[in-house]
Amino acid sequence: MNEKAVQNFFKFDYHDRGIKKWQGYFLSDHTSKLSKLRKQKAEQHRRKLDDQMDRSEIDEVLQKSFASRLKVELQYAYYDKKELKIEQIIGTMKGYYKNLVIVGDQILRWDEIVSAKLIK
């Protein structure tokens, strides 16, 4: 085969399948390990959310924080690109507005708050 024929083949006839051609190289060990890691991560998040307080308990802590101007530590959960994120904020309770809570310079939705505790 001459070089011109090879160039014409790649230019006009050959269609690269991209990542599809490599998917067969993933071993079952790889896919099972990835699956196991995803399950472990989901379990960790689920355990953290199991410590979730009742809304009335959270409200009580936030009211005490607001009345006494004590700092409060909030743990809140939200989804970012289909992934559950759990974060923490420490600040002074500034107030409420409808279903929003203002702590420090951040505004959180009530349904995002997982737990709250006063910092003395």
N, C-alpha and C. Protein backbone atom coordinates (compact mmCIF):
# COMPACT_ATOMS: atom_id res chain seq x y z
N MET A 1 0.84 -1.18 0.00
CA MET A 1 0.00 0.00 0.00
C MET A 1 0.89 1.24 0.00
N ASN A 2 0.52 2.19 -0.82
CA ASN A 2 1.34 3.40 -0.84
C ASN A 2 0.79 4.41 0.19
N GLU A 3 1.57 5.40 0.44
CA GLU A 3 1.23 6.36 1.49
C GLU A 3 0.00 7.19 1.14
N LYS A 4 -0.18 7.50 -0.11
CA LYS A 4 -1.35 8.28 -0.55
C LYS A 4 -2.64 7.50 -0.29
N ALA A 5 -2.62 6.20 -0.56
CA ALA A 5 -3.79 5.37 -0.32
C ALA A 5 -4.12 5.31 1.17
N VAL A 6 -3.09 5.23 2.00
CA VAL A 6 -3.29 5.20 3.45
C VAL A 6 -3.89 6.53 3.92
N GLN A 7 -3.37 7.64 3.42
CA GLN A 7 -3.90 8.95 3.80
C GLN A 7 -5.36 9.09 3.36
N ASN A 8 -5.68 8.64 2.17
CA ASN A 8 -7.06 8.71 1.69
C ASN A 8 -7.98 7.84 2.55
N PHE A 9 -7.49 6.66 2.95
CA PHE A 9 -8.28 5.79 3.81
C PHE A 9 -8.65 6.49 5.12
N PHE A 10 -7.65 7.09 5.80
CA PHE A 10 -7.90 7.77 7.06
C PHE A 10 -8.72 9.05 6.88
N LYS A 11 -8.58 9.67 5.75
CA LYS A 11 -9.30 10.93 5.50
C LYS A 11 -10.77 10.69 5.15
N PHE A 12 -11.08 9.65 4.35
CA PHE A 12 -12.43 9.47 3.84
C PHE A 12 -13.18 8.24 4.39
N ASP A 13 -12.47 7.15 4.67
CA ASP A 13 -13.14 5.90 4.99
C ASP A 13 -13.15 5.56 6.48
N TYR A 14 -12.10 5.87 7.19
CA TYR A 14 -11.97 5.47 8.59
C TYR A 14 -12.71 6.47 9.49
N HIS A 15 -13.56 5.92 10.37
CA HIS A 15 -14.29 6.75 11.33
C HIS A 15 -13.94 6.27 12.72
N ASP A 16 -13.22 7.11 13.46
CA ASP A 16 -12.79 6.78 14.81
C ASP A 16 -14.01 6.70 15.73
N ARG A 17 -14.12 5.64 16.50
CA ARG A 17 -15.25 5.45 17.41
C ARG A 17 -14.98 6.09 18.77
N GLY A 18 -13.88 6.78 18.94
CA GLY A 18 -13.58 7.47 20.19
C GLY A 18 -13.45 6.52 21.35
N ILE A 19 -14.07 6.88 22.46
CA ILE A 19 -13.96 6.11 23.70
C ILE A 19 -14.60 4.74 23.59
N LYS A 20 -15.55 4.57 22.68
CA LYS A 20 -16.27 3.29 22.56
C LYS A 20 -15.32 2.12 22.33
N LYS A 21 -14.27 2.35 21.58
CA LYS A 21 -13.38 1.24 21.27
C LYS A 21 -12.58 0.78 22.49
N TRP A 22 -12.49 1.62 23.53
CA TRP A 22 -11.71 1.27 24.71
C TRP A 22 -12.57 0.67 25.82
N GLN A 23 -13.86 0.77 25.73
CA GLN A 23 -14.72 0.29 26.81
C GLN A 23 -14.58 -1.21 27.04
N GLY A 24 -14.26 -1.94 26.04
CA GLY A 24 -14.06 -3.38 26.20
C GLY A 24 -12.84 -3.72 27.03
N TYR A 25 -11.94 -2.76 27.22
CA TYR A 25 -10.72 -3.02 27.98
C TYR A 25 -10.91 -2.86 29.49
N PHE A 26 -12.05 -2.31 29.92
CA PHE A 26 -12.31 -2.24 31.35
C PHE A 26 -12.59 -3.66 31.84
N LEU A 27 -11.81 -4.10 32.78
CA LEU A 27 -12.01 -5.43 33.36
C LEU A 27 -13.14 -5.39 34.36
N SER A 28 -13.71 -6.53 34.60
CA SER A 28 -14.81 -6.58 35.58
C SER A 28 -14.30 -6.15 36.96
N ASP A 29 -13.02 -6.39 37.23
CA ASP A 29 -12.44 -5.94 38.50
C ASP A 29 -12.51 -4.43 38.63
N HIS A 30 -12.22 -3.74 37.52
CA HIS A 30 -12.26 -2.27 37.52
C HIS A 30 -13.68 -1.76 37.77
N THR A 31 -14.62 -2.30 37.03
CA THR A 31 -16.00 -1.82 37.16
C THR A 31 -16.58 -2.16 38.53
N SER A 32 -16.25 -3.32 39.08
CA SER A 32 -16.76 -3.67 40.40
C SER A 32 -16.13 -2.78 41.48
N LYS A 33 -14.86 -2.43 41.33
CA LYS A 33 -14.19 -1.54 42.28
C LYS A 33 -14.80 -0.15 42.22
N LEU A 34 -15.07 0.37 41.02
CA LEU A 34 -15.70 1.68 40.88
C LEU A 34 -17.10 1.67 41.50
N SER A 35 -17.83 0.61 41.29
CA SER A 35 -19.16 0.49 41.87
C SER A 35 -19.09 0.46 43.39
N LYS A 36 -18.13 -0.27 43.92
CA LYS A 36 -17.96 -0.37 45.37
C LYS A 36 -17.60 0.99 45.97
N LEU A 37 -16.74 1.75 45.29
CA LEU A 37 -16.36 3.08 45.77
C LEU A 37 -17.56 4.03 45.79
N ARG A 38 -18.39 3.96 44.74
CA ARG A 38 -19.59 4.80 44.69
C ARG A 38 -20.54 4.46 45.84
N LYS A 39 -20.70 3.17 46.12
CA LYS A 39 -21.59 2.74 47.20
C LYS A 39 -21.06 3.20 48.56
N GLN A 40 -19.73 3.12 48.76
CA GLN A 40 -19.14 3.55 50.01
C GLN A 40 -19.35 5.05 50.23
N LYS A 41 -19.17 5.83 49.17
CA LYS A 41 -19.36 7.27 49.27
C LYS A 41 -20.81 7.61 49.59
N ALA A 42 -21.74 6.92 48.95
CA ALA A 42 -23.16 7.14 49.22
C ALA A 42 -23.49 6.76 50.66
N GLU A 43 -22.90 5.69 51.15
CA GLU A 43 -23.14 5.24 52.53
C GLU A 43 -22.61 6.26 53.54
N GLN A 44 -21.45 6.85 53.26
CA GLN A 44 -20.90 7.88 54.14
C GLN A 44 -21.84 9.07 54.22
N HIS A 45 -22.36 9.50 53.08
CA HIS A 45 -23.30 10.62 53.07
C HIS A 45 -24.58 10.26 53.80
N ARG A 46 -25.05 9.04 53.62
CA ARG A 46 -26.28 8.61 54.27
C ARG A 46 -26.09 8.59 55.79
N ARG A 47 -24.91 8.14 56.25
CA ARG A 47 -24.65 8.12 57.70
C ARG A 47 -24.65 9.54 58.26
N LYS A 48 -24.04 10.47 57.52
CA LYS A 48 -24.03 11.85 57.98
C LYS A 48 -25.44 12.41 58.05
N LEU A 49 -26.27 12.06 57.10
CA LEU A 49 -27.64 12.56 57.09
C LEU A 49 -28.51 11.87 58.13
N ASP A 50 -28.11 10.69 58.59
CA ASP A 50 -28.86 10.00 59.63
C ASP A 50 -28.83 10.78 60.94
N ASP A 51 -27.81 11.62 61.12
CA ASP A 51 -27.69 12.43 62.32
C ASP A 51 -28.55 13.69 62.22
N GLN A 52 -29.37 13.77 61.21
CA GLN A 52 -30.20 14.94 60.97
C GLN A 52 -31.16 15.18 62.14
N MET A 53 -31.24 16.44 62.53
CA MET A 53 -32.13 16.83 63.62
C MET A 53 -33.53 17.12 63.07
N ASP A 54 -34.52 17.07 63.96
CA ASP A 54 -35.87 17.49 63.59
C ASP A 54 -35.88 18.99 63.34
N ARG A 55 -36.81 19.42 62.52
CA ARG A 55 -36.90 20.85 62.21
C ARG A 55 -37.18 21.66 63.47
N SER A 56 -37.96 21.13 64.39
CA SER A 56 -38.27 21.85 65.64
C SER A 56 -37.01 22.03 66.48
N GLU A 57 -36.15 21.00 66.51
CA GLU A 57 -34.88 21.11 67.25
C GLU A 57 -33.97 22.16 66.62
N ILE A 58 -33.89 22.15 65.31
CA ILE A 58 -33.07 23.14 64.60
C ILE A 58 -33.61 24.54 64.87
N ASP A 59 -34.92 24.69 64.81
CA ASP A 59 -35.55 25.99 65.04
C ASP A 59 -35.25 26.49 66.45
N GLU A 60 -35.30 25.60 67.43
CA GLU A 60 -35.01 25.97 68.81
C GLU A 60 -33.58 26.49 68.96
N VAL A 61 -32.63 25.79 68.36
CA VAL A 61 -31.23 26.21 68.41
C VAL A 61 -31.05 27.57 67.73
N LEU A 62 -31.68 27.74 66.56
CA LEU A 62 -31.55 29.00 65.84
C LEU A 62 -32.18 30.17 66.60
N GLN A 63 -33.30 29.93 67.27
CA GLN A 63 -33.94 30.99 68.06
C GLN A 63 -33.06 31.39 69.24
N LYS A 64 -32.45 30.41 69.90
CA LYS A 64 -31.53 30.72 71.01
C LYS A 64 -30.33 31.51 70.50
N SER A 65 -29.82 31.13 69.35
CA SER A 65 -28.69 31.84 68.76
C SER A 65 -29.06 33.29 68.45
N PHE A 66 -30.26 33.48 67.90
CA PHE A 66 -30.72 34.82 67.53
C PHE A 66 -30.95 35.69 68.76
N ALA A 67 -31.59 35.11 69.79
CA ALA A 67 -31.94 35.86 70.99
C ALA A 67 -30.70 36.23 71.82
N SER A 68 -29.75 35.32 71.91
CA SER A 68 -28.58 35.56 72.76
C SER A 68 -27.33 35.98 71.99
N ARG A 69 -27.47 36.10 70.68
CA ARG A 69 -26.34 36.50 69.81
C ARG A 69 -25.14 35.55 69.94
N LEU A 70 -25.43 34.29 70.17
CA LEU A 70 -24.37 33.28 70.21
C LEU A 70 -24.14 32.74 68.80
N LYS A 71 -22.92 32.31 68.55
CA LYS A 71 -22.63 31.70 67.26
C LYS A 71 -23.27 30.32 67.19
N VAL A 72 -23.60 29.94 65.99
CA VAL A 72 -24.23 28.64 65.75
C VAL A 72 -23.44 27.92 64.67
N GLU A 73 -23.34 26.62 64.82
CA GLU A 73 -22.68 25.78 63.80
C GLU A 73 -23.77 25.00 63.08
N LEU A 74 -23.88 25.22 61.79
CA LEU A 74 -24.89 24.53 60.99
C LEU A 74 -24.22 23.57 60.03
N GLN A 75 -24.82 22.43 59.87
CA GLN A 75 -24.41 21.49 58.83
C GLN A 75 -25.56 21.46 57.83
N TYR A 76 -25.22 21.67 56.55
CA TYR A 76 -26.27 21.69 55.54
C TYR A 76 -25.88 20.82 54.35
N ALA A 77 -26.90 20.32 53.68
CA ALA A 77 -26.70 19.40 52.56
C ALA A 77 -27.40 19.96 51.33
N TYR A 78 -26.75 19.80 50.18
CA TYR A 78 -27.33 20.24 48.91
C TYR A 78 -26.75 19.40 47.79
N TYR A 79 -27.41 19.45 46.65
CA TYR A 79 -26.93 18.71 45.49
C TYR A 79 -26.21 19.65 44.54
N ASP A 80 -25.04 19.23 44.09
CA ASP A 80 -24.26 19.97 43.11
C ASP A 80 -23.93 19.01 41.97
N LYS A 81 -24.51 19.25 40.81
CA LYS A 81 -24.31 18.37 39.66
C LYS A 81 -24.61 16.91 40.01
N LYS A 82 -25.76 16.68 40.60
CA LYS A 82 -26.25 15.35 40.97
C LYS A 82 -25.44 14.67 42.07
N GLU A 83 -24.55 15.41 42.73
CA GLU A 83 -23.76 14.83 43.81
C GLU A 83 -24.14 15.52 45.11
N LEU A 84 -24.39 14.75 46.14
CA LEU A 84 -24.75 15.29 47.44
C LEU A 84 -23.52 15.88 48.11
N LYS A 85 -23.62 17.12 48.49
CA LYS A 85 -22.54 17.81 49.20
C LYS A 85 -23.03 18.13 50.60
N ILE A 86 -22.18 17.93 51.60
CA ILE A 86 -22.50 18.28 52.98
C ILE A 86 -21.42 19.22 53.47
N GLU A 87 -21.84 20.41 53.89
CA GLU A 87 -20.89 21.42 54.34
C GLU A 87 -21.31 21.97 55.68
N GLN A 88 -20.44 22.80 56.23
CA GLN A 88 -20.64 23.33 57.57
C GLN A 88 -20.40 24.84 57.53
N ILE A 89 -21.15 25.56 58.34
CA ILE A 89 -20.97 27.00 58.46
C ILE A 89 -21.07 27.38 59.93
N ILE A 90 -20.26 28.32 60.34
CA ILE A 90 -20.31 28.85 61.70
C ILE A 90 -20.54 30.35 61.58
N GLY A 91 -21.52 30.84 62.31
CA GLY A 91 -21.81 32.27 62.27
C GLY A 91 -22.91 32.64 63.23
N THR A 92 -23.23 33.91 63.26
CA THR A 92 -24.29 34.43 64.11
C THR A 92 -25.59 34.44 63.33
N MET A 93 -26.65 34.03 63.96
CA MET A 93 -27.96 34.02 63.34
C MET A 93 -28.43 35.45 63.15
N LYS A 94 -28.72 35.82 61.89
CA LYS A 94 -29.15 37.19 61.58
C LYS A 94 -30.66 37.30 61.46
N GLY A 95 -31.31 36.22 61.02
CA GLY A 95 -32.76 36.27 60.91
C GLY A 95 -33.31 35.23 59.95
N TYR A 96 -34.65 35.32 59.75
CA TYR A 96 -35.38 34.41 58.86
C TYR A 96 -36.07 35.25 57.80
N TYR A 97 -36.36 34.64 56.69
CA TYR A 97 -37.25 35.23 55.70
C TYR A 97 -37.90 34.09 54.94
N LYS A 98 -39.21 33.92 55.14
CA LYS A 98 -39.97 32.82 54.53
C LYS A 98 -39.29 31.50 54.82
N ASN A 99 -38.75 30.81 53.79
CA ASN A 99 -38.09 29.52 54.02
C ASN A 99 -36.57 29.65 54.00
N LEU A 100 -36.08 30.88 54.23
CA LEU A 100 -34.64 31.13 54.22
C LEU A 100 -34.15 31.47 55.62
N VAL A 101 -32.92 31.09 55.90
CA VAL A 101 -32.26 31.37 57.17
C VAL A 101 -30.98 32.14 56.84
N ILE A 102 -30.75 33.22 57.56
CA ILE A 102 -29.56 34.04 57.31
C ILE A 102 -28.61 33.85 58.49
N VAL A 103 -27.45 33.28 58.20
CA VAL A 103 -26.42 33.03 59.21
C VAL A 103 -25.14 33.64 58.70
N GLY A 104 -24.57 34.56 59.49
CA GLY A 104 -23.39 35.27 59.02
C GLY A 104 -23.72 36.01 57.75
N ASP A 105 -22.95 35.78 56.71
CA ASP A 105 -23.22 36.43 55.43
C ASP A 105 -23.79 35.45 54.40
N GLN A 106 -24.25 34.30 54.89
CA GLN A 106 -24.81 33.30 53.98
C GLN A 106 -26.31 33.13 54.20
N ILE A 107 -26.99 32.81 53.11
CA ILE A 107 -28.42 32.54 53.14
C ILE A 107 -28.62 31.07 52.78
N LEU A 108 -29.29 30.36 53.68
CA LEU A 108 -29.55 28.93 53.47
C LEU A 108 -31.05 28.68 53.43
N ARG A 109 -31.43 27.64 52.70
CA ARG A 109 -32.82 27.22 52.71
C ARG A 109 -33.03 26.30 53.92
N TRP A 110 -34.23 26.38 54.51
CA TRP A 110 -34.55 25.56 55.67
C TRP A 110 -34.33 24.08 55.40
N ASP A 111 -34.78 23.63 54.23
CA ASP A 111 -34.70 22.20 53.93
C ASP A 111 -33.28 21.71 53.69
N GLU A 112 -32.31 22.61 53.60
CA GLU A 112 -30.91 22.21 53.43
C GLU A 112 -30.23 21.94 54.77
N ILE A 113 -30.76 22.49 55.85
CA ILE A 113 -30.10 22.39 57.16
C ILE A 113 -30.32 21.00 57.74
N VAL A 114 -29.22 20.36 58.10
CA VAL A 114 -29.24 19.00 58.63
C VAL A 114 -29.16 19.00 60.15
N SER A 115 -28.27 19.85 60.69
CA SER A 115 -28.13 19.92 62.14
C SER A 115 -27.64 21.31 62.54
N ALA A 116 -27.87 21.65 63.81
CA ALA A 116 -27.46 22.94 64.34
C ALA A 116 -27.06 22.78 65.81
N LYS A 117 -26.01 23.49 66.20
CA LYS A 117 -25.65 23.50 67.62
C LYS A 117 -25.04 24.85 67.97
N LEU A 118 -25.28 25.26 69.20
CA LEU A 118 -24.75 26.53 69.69
C LEU A 118 -23.27 26.40 70.03
N ILE A 119 -22.54 27.46 69.78
CA ILE A 119 -21.12 27.51 70.17
C ILE A 119 -21.00 28.55 71.25
N LYS A 120 -20.57 28.11 72.42
CA LYS A 120 -20.50 29.03 73.57
C LYS A 120 -19.10 29.52 73.79
